[in-house]
Structures are given as structure tokens and as C-alpha cells.
């Protein structure tokens, strides 16, 4: 386990209205919104299952997360499941490429700073700091014991702004040991706090809140407008 054989301490985190920004284009399936009767809804679900990789995984296609860990029949369950079944190809701070996690900030400003940083990196890599993207804020509540990296100096390498090596190693060990997730200081917003939740059922009371438009016009710092 990174930094020590002893895991980070556990803290009971009870936090309502955490914030996760998701590009609006990845919102709930448009097919769900156009059905005008239960019969039609059943038809579009079948079409969605046939064409949507995420729902195929939910239907039992092997992946880095077992289908029985996912959530069904709840508001925005597809949004929750997608966070775990569509990880970044290189992984993120506390997950590898085979299984995602639900990342969120205690504060809106933290969620905005995290998204702005990563999207800006994408634009820098292609050499064009010109773009306009709309993000929806999904709020969620948590009440669970998370491994706590706040003040855990032994695990400082897991908060390296430029590397996910130590943090992914720690996350892999924690996940294998049954961890529910990690609470940690935001790397992109000083003073902010983030959660990386490893278990879909712990993401509860999900609700769509504000929508924000991020506009890059040649600068690494986007203009952010509430829509």
C-alpha cells in the first residue's frame, strides 16, 4: 500500500449536496425524454440497451465492476452507473482504467475548479484553447466511512498535482480491501474537499441542479457562466 502498510484513517462523512459537474451531452438518454407512454418507454429502453455501451454493461457484459454493484430504478441511476462504467482510459486520481469512481466536491467552486483544470489540459494537448462546453451540476448526499487523506502526511504523494501513480496504487489496495472510498483535499481548489466514492449505492439522493457554460477564448482560464 502506498506510503505505508497501514491505510489512511477512517472518517464518518455525512455530507449533503455535494457537487459533480458532468458535460450536458452525457446527461440522461434523450430517448427517455421523448417517450410519450409506458409502451413507448419500454420500446426506447430496448433501443437504448441495443445501442448504448453503458446499458450493455448494466445488462451483464463483463467489466471492471460487477453488474450487481450498480444501481437501478432510482433517479439518475444511469448517471451514477456511468461514472463507474466509463473510466478515463488512463484512470483518474483514485481509480484505474478498468473501473471508475464518483468524484465530487463539497463545494461548487471545487467541482468547477476540478473540471476546468482537466478540460483545459485536454485543450492544451490538442493545441487549441478555444471551446465552449456546458456542464450540469449533479448534487448527491453521502453518509459513510471513507478513508481520510486530510492531514494524512504519509500519503502526500497521493495528492501530487502532476502524478496519479501513488494515488492509483493506494486506491487499488483500498478497493481490494473493501474500502468505500476516499475523502481528500482538492488538488485544484485550495481549501476545497473532494470525495472519490468507490461504491455506486452510496451515491444517494442525486438531483440535477445548476447548469454552467465554460468558455475558452485563447486563455487557460475559462469564462464560466451560469446558464
C-alpha atoms as a PDB file:
ATOM      1  CA  UNK A   1       0.000   0.000   0.000  1.00  0.00           C
ATOM      2  CA  UNK A   2       1.336   3.446  -0.936  1.00  0.00           C
ATOM      3  CA  UNK A   3       3.402   5.278   1.678  1.00  0.00           C
ATOM      4  CA  UNK A   4       2.767   2.693   4.382  1.00  0.00           C
ATOM      5  CA  UNK A   5       1.284  -0.732   5.014  1.00  0.00           C
ATOM      6  CA  UNK A   6      -1.214   0.984   7.275  1.00  0.00           C
ATOM      7  CA  UNK A   7      -4.192   2.507   5.432  1.00  0.00           C
ATOM      8  CA  UNK A   8      -5.372   6.073   5.964  1.00  0.00           C
ATOM      9  CA  UNK A   9      -7.708   6.593   8.926  1.00  0.00           C
ATOM     10  CA  UNK A  10     -11.445   6.241   8.509  1.00  0.00           C
ATOM     11  CA  UNK A  11     -13.824   9.164   8.998  1.00  0.00           C
ATOM     12  CA  UNK A  12     -17.593   9.118   9.005  1.00  0.00           C
ATOM     13  CA  UNK A  13     -18.562  11.563   6.267  1.00  0.00           C
ATOM     14  CA  UNK A  14     -22.090  12.902   6.367  1.00  0.00           C
ATOM     15  CA  UNK A  15     -22.390  15.491   3.657  1.00  0.00           C
ATOM     16  CA  UNK A  16     -25.438  16.585   1.680  1.00  0.00           C
ATOM     17  CA  UNK A  17     -25.461  18.422  -1.638  1.00  0.00           C
ATOM     18  CA  UNK A  18     -22.005  17.539  -2.879  1.00  0.00           C
ATOM     19  CA  UNK A  19     -21.287  18.662  -6.432  1.00  0.00           C
ATOM     20  CA  UNK A  20     -20.219  16.765  -9.547  1.00  0.00           C
ATOM     21  CA  UNK A  21     -20.160  18.514 -12.934  1.00  0.00           C
ATOM     22  CA  UNK A  22     -20.942  16.373 -15.972  1.00  0.00           C
ATOM     23  CA  UNK A  23     -20.944  17.547 -19.566  1.00  0.00           C
ATOM     24  CA  UNK A  24     -24.554  18.065 -20.589  1.00  0.00           C
ATOM     25  CA  UNK A  25     -24.073  15.903 -23.669  1.00  0.00           C
ATOM     26  CA  UNK A  26     -23.566  12.949 -21.311  1.00  0.00           C
ATOM     27  CA  UNK A  27     -26.831  13.534 -19.455  1.00  0.00           C
ATOM     28  CA  UNK A  28     -29.711  11.046 -19.215  1.00  0.00           C
ATOM     29  CA  UNK A  29     -30.572   9.400 -22.500  1.00  0.00           C
ATOM     30  CA  UNK A  30     -32.634  11.633 -24.750  1.00  0.00           C
ATOM     31  CA  UNK A  31     -34.683   8.535 -25.572  1.00  0.00           C
ATOM     32  CA  UNK A  32     -36.084   8.589 -22.033  1.00  0.00           C
ATOM     33  CA  UNK A  33     -37.398  12.112 -22.586  1.00  0.00           C
ATOM     34  CA  UNK A  34     -39.191  11.504 -25.881  1.00  0.00           C
ATOM     35  CA  UNK A  35     -41.287   8.515 -24.828  1.00  0.00           C
ATOM     36  CA  UNK A  36     -44.933   9.532 -24.513  1.00  0.00           C
ATOM     37  CA  UNK A  37     -46.393   6.389 -22.945  1.00  0.00           C
ATOM     38  CA  UNK A  38     -45.302   3.383 -20.879  1.00  0.00           C
ATOM     39  CA  UNK A  39     -45.424   1.240 -24.036  1.00  0.00           C
ATOM     40  CA  UNK A  40     -43.188   3.651 -25.917  1.00  0.00           C
ATOM     41  CA  UNK A  41     -40.893   3.926 -22.925  1.00  0.00           C
ATOM     42  CA  UNK A  42     -40.384   0.157 -22.993  1.00  0.00           C
ATOM     43  CA  UNK A  43     -39.561   0.373 -26.704  1.00  0.00           C
ATOM     44  CA  UNK A  44     -36.982   3.115 -26.265  1.00  0.00           C
ATOM     45  CA  UNK A  45     -35.397   1.267 -23.343  1.00  0.00           C
ATOM     46  CA  UNK A  46     -34.912  -1.716 -25.637  1.00  0.00           C
ATOM     47  CA  UNK A  47     -33.373   0.550 -28.286  1.00  0.00           C
ATOM     48  CA  UNK A  48     -31.149   2.182 -25.678  1.00  0.00           C
ATOM     49  CA  UNK A  49     -29.970  -1.226 -24.476  1.00  0.00           C
ATOM     50  CA  UNK A  50     -29.136  -2.240 -28.038  1.00  0.00           C
ATOM     51  CA  UNK A  51     -27.119   0.892 -28.783  1.00  0.00           C
ATOM     52  CA  UNK A  52     -25.662   2.116 -25.505  1.00  0.00           C
ATOM     53  CA  UNK A  53     -22.433   0.624 -24.181  1.00  0.00           C
ATOM     54  CA  UNK A  54     -23.290   1.632 -20.651  1.00  0.00           C
ATOM     55  CA  UNK A  55     -26.608  -0.218 -20.623  1.00  0.00           C
ATOM     56  CA  UNK A  56     -24.946  -3.247 -22.182  1.00  0.00           C
ATOM     57  CA  UNK A  57     -22.574  -3.302 -19.225  1.00  0.00           C
ATOM     58  CA  UNK A  58     -25.545  -2.931 -16.884  1.00  0.00           C
ATOM     59  CA  UNK A  59     -27.066  -5.917 -18.653  1.00  0.00           C
ATOM     60  CA  UNK A  60     -24.196  -8.152 -17.611  1.00  0.00           C
ATOM     61  CA  UNK A  61     -21.346  -7.601 -20.060  1.00  0.00           C
ATOM     62  CA  UNK A  62     -18.127  -8.163 -18.047  1.00  0.00           C
ATOM     63  CA  UNK A  63     -16.352  -5.006 -16.957  1.00  0.00           C
ATOM     64  CA  UNK A  64     -14.166  -3.755 -14.138  1.00  0.00           C
ATOM     65  CA  UNK A  65     -17.259  -3.521 -11.962  1.00  0.00           C
ATOM     66  CA  UNK A  66     -19.762  -6.281 -11.352  1.00  0.00           C
ATOM     67  CA  UNK A  67     -23.270  -5.605 -12.594  1.00  0.00           C
ATOM     68  CA  UNK A  68     -24.629  -6.372  -9.112  1.00  0.00           C
ATOM     69  CA  UNK A  69     -22.778  -3.344  -7.741  1.00  0.00           C
ATOM     70  CA  UNK A  70     -24.660  -0.917  -9.986  1.00  0.00           C
ATOM     71  CA  UNK A  71     -27.882   0.901  -9.117  1.00  0.00           C
ATOM     72  CA  UNK A  72     -31.256   0.664 -10.851  1.00  0.00           C
ATOM     73  CA  UNK A  73     -34.683   2.186 -10.544  1.00  0.00           C
ATOM     74  CA  UNK A  74     -33.507   5.408  -8.908  1.00  0.00           C
ATOM     75  CA  UNK A  75     -33.451   8.971 -10.258  1.00  0.00           C
ATOM     76  CA  UNK A  76     -30.332   9.456 -12.393  1.00  0.00           C
ATOM     77  CA  UNK A  77     -29.160   5.872 -11.878  1.00  0.00           C
ATOM     78  CA  UNK A  78     -27.655   5.939 -15.381  1.00  0.00           C
ATOM     79  CA  UNK A  79     -25.614   8.996 -14.415  1.00  0.00           C
ATOM     80  CA  UNK A  80     -24.308   7.213 -11.326  1.00  0.00           C
ATOM     81  CA  UNK A  81     -23.537   3.969 -13.152  1.00  0.00           C
ATOM     82  CA  UNK A  82     -21.762   5.779 -15.965  1.00  0.00           C
ATOM     83  CA  UNK A  83     -19.222   7.202 -13.517  1.00  0.00           C
ATOM     84  CA  UNK A  84     -18.153   3.645 -12.700  1.00  0.00           C
ATOM     85  CA  UNK A  85     -18.509   2.000 -16.105  1.00  0.00           C
ATOM     86  CA  UNK A  86     -16.863   4.727 -18.212  1.00  0.00           C
ATOM     87  CA  UNK A  87     -13.499   5.469 -16.569  1.00  0.00           C
ATOM     88  CA  UNK A  88     -10.899   7.589 -18.324  1.00  0.00           C
ATOM     89  CA  UNK A  89      -8.613   5.357 -20.442  1.00  0.00           C
ATOM     90  CA  UNK A  90      -5.689   6.302 -18.183  1.00  0.00           C
ATOM     91  CA  UNK A  91      -7.702   6.273 -14.973  1.00  0.00           C
ATOM     92  CA  UNK A  92      -8.111   9.219 -12.617  1.00  0.00           C
ATOM     93  CA  UNK A  93      -6.618  10.128  -9.265  1.00  0.00           C
ATOM     94  CA  UNK A  94      -8.198   7.300  -7.278  1.00  0.00           C
ATOM     95  CA  UNK A  95      -9.167   4.781  -9.944  1.00  0.00           C
ATOM     96  CA  UNK A  96      -7.532   2.870 -12.756  1.00  0.00           C
ATOM     97  CA  UNK A  97      -8.731   2.436 -16.351  1.00  0.00           C
ATOM     98  CA  UNK A  98     -10.964  -0.578 -15.624  1.00  0.00           C
ATOM     99  CA  UNK A  99     -13.301   0.849 -13.012  1.00  0.00           C
ATOM    100  CA  UNK A 100     -14.385   4.415 -12.375  1.00  0.00           C
ATOM    101  CA  UNK A 101     -15.454   6.247  -9.232  1.00  0.00           C
ATOM    102  CA  UNK A 102     -17.892   9.001  -8.365  1.00  0.00           C
ATOM    103  CA  UNK A 103     -15.834  12.157  -7.846  1.00  0.00           C
ATOM    104  CA  UNK A 104     -17.456  15.207  -6.297  1.00  0.00           C
ATOM    105  CA  UNK A 105     -16.640  18.327  -4.320  1.00  0.00           C
ATOM    106  CA  UNK A 106     -18.071  19.551  -1.055  1.00  0.00           C
ATOM    107  CA  UNK A 107     -18.247  22.997  -2.666  1.00  0.00           C
ATOM    108  CA  UNK A 108     -19.486  24.119  -6.081  1.00  0.00           C
ATOM    109  CA  UNK A 109     -16.232  26.043  -6.530  1.00  0.00           C
ATOM    110  CA  UNK A 110     -14.259  22.838  -6.039  1.00  0.00           C
ATOM    111  CA  UNK A 111     -16.228  20.935  -8.665  1.00  0.00           C
ATOM    112  CA  UNK A 112     -15.818  23.842 -11.090  1.00  0.00           C
ATOM    113  CA  UNK A 113     -12.064  24.102 -10.463  1.00  0.00           C
ATOM    114  CA  UNK A 114     -11.532  20.373 -10.980  1.00  0.00           C
ATOM    115  CA  UNK A 115     -13.472  20.306 -14.254  1.00  0.00           C
ATOM    116  CA  UNK A 116     -11.868  23.493 -15.547  1.00  0.00           C
ATOM    117  CA  UNK A 117      -8.376  22.122 -14.902  1.00  0.00           C
ATOM    118  CA  UNK A 118      -8.892  18.801 -16.640  1.00  0.00           C
ATOM    119  CA  UNK A 119     -10.736  20.234 -19.628  1.00  0.00           C
ATOM    120  CA  UNK A 120      -8.028  22.873 -20.043  1.00  0.00           C
ATOM    121  CA  UNK A 121      -5.377  20.132 -20.063  1.00  0.00           C
ATOM    122  CA  UNK A 122      -7.298  18.385 -22.855  1.00  0.00           C
ATOM    123  CA  UNK A 123      -7.357  21.601 -24.892  1.00  0.00           C
ATOM    124  CA  UNK A 124      -3.660  22.277 -24.306  1.00  0.00           C
ATOM    125  CA  UNK A 125      -2.839  18.787 -25.538  1.00  0.00           C
ATOM    126  CA  UNK A 126      -4.568  19.439 -28.863  1.00  0.00           C
ATOM    127  CA  UNK A 127      -3.084  22.931 -29.035  1.00  0.00           C
ATOM    128  CA  UNK A 128      -6.370  24.837 -29.264  1.00  0.00           C
ATOM    129  CA  UNK A 129      -7.603  26.863 -26.288  1.00  0.00           C
ATOM    130  CA  UNK A 130     -10.902  27.587 -27.966  1.00  0.00           C
ATOM    131  CA  UNK A 131     -14.021  25.746 -26.868  1.00  0.00           C
ATOM    132  CA  UNK A 132     -17.421  26.068 -25.264  1.00  0.00           C
ATOM    133  CA  UNK A 133     -18.835  23.281 -23.117  1.00  0.00           C
ATOM    134  CA  UNK A 134     -21.956  23.118 -20.978  1.00  0.00           C
ATOM    135  CA  UNK A 135     -21.871  21.175 -17.710  1.00  0.00           C
ATOM    136  CA  UNK A 136     -24.699  20.134 -15.398  1.00  0.00           C
ATOM    137  CA  UNK A 137     -24.193  20.088 -11.630  1.00  0.00           C
ATOM    138  CA  UNK A 138     -25.402  16.853 -10.052  1.00  0.00           C
ATOM    139  CA  UNK A 139     -25.852  17.017  -6.303  1.00  0.00           C
ATOM    140  CA  UNK A 140     -25.613  13.886  -4.143  1.00  0.00           C
ATOM    141  CA  UNK A 141     -25.640  13.015  -0.458  1.00  0.00           C
ATOM    142  CA  UNK A 142     -23.213  10.757   1.410  1.00  0.00           C
ATOM    143  CA  UNK A 143     -23.197   9.078   4.802  1.00  0.00           C
ATOM    144  CA  UNK A 144     -20.390   6.537   5.015  1.00  0.00           C
ATOM    145  CA  UNK A 145     -16.949   5.783   6.416  1.00  0.00           C
ATOM    146  CA  UNK A 146     -14.300   6.959   3.957  1.00  0.00           C
ATOM    147  CA  UNK A 147     -10.537   6.689   4.188  1.00  0.00           C
ATOM    148  CA  UNK A 148      -9.411  10.193   5.072  1.00  0.00           C
ATOM    149  CA  UNK A 149      -6.365  11.810   3.472  1.00  0.00           C
ATOM    150  CA  UNK A 150      -6.967  15.197   5.063  1.00  0.00           C
ATOM    151  CA  UNK A 151      -3.922  15.782   7.211  1.00  0.00           C
ATOM    152  CA  UNK A 152      -2.503  12.315   6.467  1.00  0.00           C
ATOM    153  CA  UNK A 153       1.049  13.399   5.646  1.00  0.00           C
ATOM    154  CA  UNK A 154       2.131   9.795   4.978  1.00  0.00           C
ATOM    155  CA  UNK A 155       0.052   9.899   1.824  1.00  0.00           C
ATOM    156  CA  UNK A 156       1.163  13.283   0.493  1.00  0.00           C
ATOM    157  CA  UNK A 157       2.309  11.627  -2.754  1.00  0.00           C
ATOM    158  CA  UNK A 158      -1.332  10.709  -3.438  1.00  0.00           C
ATOM    159  CA  UNK A 159      -2.068  14.423  -3.792  1.00  0.00           C
ATOM    160  CA  UNK A 160       0.718  15.096  -6.282  1.00  0.00           C
ATOM    161  CA  UNK A 161      -0.660  17.665  -8.784  1.00  0.00           C
ATOM    162  CA  UNK A 162       1.299  16.067 -11.611  1.00  0.00           C
ATOM    163  CA  UNK A 163       1.013  12.319 -10.970  1.00  0.00           C
ATOM    164  CA  UNK A 164      -1.609   9.674 -10.248  1.00  0.00           C
ATOM    165  CA  UNK A 165       0.882   6.844  -9.689  1.00  0.00           C
ATOM    166  CA  UNK A 166       0.799   6.765  -5.878  1.00  0.00           C
ATOM    167  CA  UNK A 167      -2.893   7.584  -5.624  1.00  0.00           C
ATOM    168  CA  UNK A 168      -3.926   4.836  -8.038  1.00  0.00           C
ATOM    169  CA  UNK A 169      -1.781   2.316  -6.176  1.00  0.00           C
ATOM    170  CA  UNK A 170      -3.413   3.319  -2.916  1.00  0.00           C
ATOM    171  CA  UNK A 171      -6.899   3.171  -4.425  1.00  0.00           C
ATOM    172  CA  UNK A 172      -6.284  -0.299  -5.843  1.00  0.00           C
ATOM    173  CA  UNK A 173      -5.203  -1.592  -2.431  1.00  0.00           C
ATOM    174  CA  UNK A 174      -8.088   0.100  -0.630  1.00  0.00           C
ATOM    175  CA  UNK A 175     -10.664  -1.156  -3.116  1.00  0.00           C
ATOM    176  CA  UNK A 176      -9.379  -4.709  -2.802  1.00  0.00           C
ATOM    177  CA  UNK A 177      -9.663  -4.409   0.976  1.00  0.00           C
ATOM    178  CA  UNK A 178     -13.310  -3.339   0.736  1.00  0.00           C
ATOM    179  CA  UNK A 179     -12.937   0.427   1.074  1.00  0.00           C
ATOM    180  CA  UNK A 180     -15.982   2.577   0.373  1.00  0.00           C
ATOM    181  CA  UNK A 181     -13.948   5.500  -0.917  1.00  0.00           C
ATOM    182  CA  UNK A 182     -11.613   8.355  -0.090  1.00  0.00           C
ATOM    183  CA  UNK A 183     -12.113  11.902   1.204  1.00  0.00           C
ATOM    184  CA  UNK A 184      -9.225  14.215   0.393  1.00  0.00           C
ATOM    185  CA  UNK A 185      -8.168  17.849  -0.044  1.00  0.00           C
ATOM    186  CA  UNK A 186      -8.869  19.199  -3.512  1.00  0.00           C
ATOM    187  CA  UNK A 187      -5.677  19.428  -5.540  1.00  0.00           C
ATOM    188  CA  UNK A 188      -7.153  22.085  -7.833  1.00  0.00           C
ATOM    189  CA  UNK A 189      -9.019  24.297  -5.353  1.00  0.00           C
ATOM    190  CA  UNK A 190      -7.077  25.241  -2.223  1.00  0.00           C
ATOM    191  CA  UNK A 191      -9.208  24.728   0.851  1.00  0.00           C
ATOM    192  CA  UNK A 192     -11.736  22.570  -1.010  1.00  0.00           C
ATOM    193  CA  UNK A 193     -12.628  18.970  -0.220  1.00  0.00           C
ATOM    194  CA  UNK A 194     -13.355  16.068  -2.559  1.00  0.00           C
ATOM    195  CA  UNK A 195     -14.789  12.579  -2.320  1.00  0.00           C
ATOM    196  CA  UNK A 196     -13.902   9.645  -4.539  1.00  0.00           C
ATOM    197  CA  UNK A 197     -16.675   7.144  -3.829  1.00  0.00           C
ATOM    198  CA  UNK A 198     -15.899   3.550  -4.848  1.00  0.00           C
ATOM    199  CA  UNK A 199     -19.414   2.105  -4.404  1.00  0.00           C
ATOM    200  CA  UNK A 200     -22.427   3.162  -6.532  1.00  0.00           C
ATOM    201  CA  UNK A 201     -25.138   2.536  -3.884  1.00  0.00           C
ATOM    202  CA  UNK A 202     -23.530   5.120  -1.599  1.00  0.00           C
ATOM    203  CA  UNK A 203     -24.301   7.922  -4.078  1.00  0.00           C
ATOM    204  CA  UNK A 204     -27.798   8.844  -2.905  1.00  0.00           C
ATOM    205  CA  UNK A 205     -30.460  11.498  -3.465  1.00  0.00           C
ATOM    206  CA  UNK A 206     -28.957  12.505  -6.793  1.00  0.00           C
ATOM    207  CA  UNK A 207     -30.547  15.624  -8.240  1.00  0.00           C
ATOM    208  CA  UNK A 208     -29.724  17.860 -11.159  1.00  0.00           C
ATOM    209  CA  UNK A 209     -29.016  21.432 -10.102  1.00  0.00           C
ATOM    210  CA  UNK A 210     -27.429  24.377 -11.932  1.00  0.00           C
ATOM    211  CA  UNK A 211     -26.017  24.369 -15.449  1.00  0.00           C
ATOM    212  CA  UNK A 212     -22.765  26.151 -16.296  1.00  0.00           C
ATOM    213  CA  UNK A 213     -21.185  27.121 -19.589  1.00  0.00           C
ATOM    214  CA  UNK A 214     -17.372  27.082 -19.737  1.00  0.00           C
ATOM    215  CA  UNK A 215     -15.905  29.240 -22.496  1.00  0.00           C
ATOM    216  CA  UNK A 216     -12.242  29.116 -23.509  1.00  0.00           C
ATOM    217  CA  UNK A 217     -11.167  32.016 -25.724  1.00  0.00           C
ATOM    218  CA  UNK A 218      -7.420  31.593 -26.069  1.00  0.00           C
ATOM    219  CA  UNK A 219      -6.704  31.597 -22.338  1.00  0.00           C
ATOM    220  CA  UNK A 220      -6.153  28.680 -19.979  1.00  0.00           C
ATOM    221  CA  UNK A 221      -8.667  30.261 -17.608  1.00  0.00           C
ATOM    222  CA  UNK A 222     -12.187  29.766 -18.967  1.00  0.00           C
ATOM    223  CA  UNK A 223     -15.018  32.187 -18.509  1.00  0.00           C
ATOM    224  CA  UNK A 224     -17.753  30.442 -16.531  1.00  0.00           C
ATOM    225  CA  UNK A 225     -21.371  31.465 -16.909  1.00  0.00           C
ATOM    226  CA  UNK A 226     -24.434  30.158 -15.134  1.00  0.00           C
ATOM    227  CA  UNK A 227     -26.987  29.183 -17.778  1.00  0.00           C
END
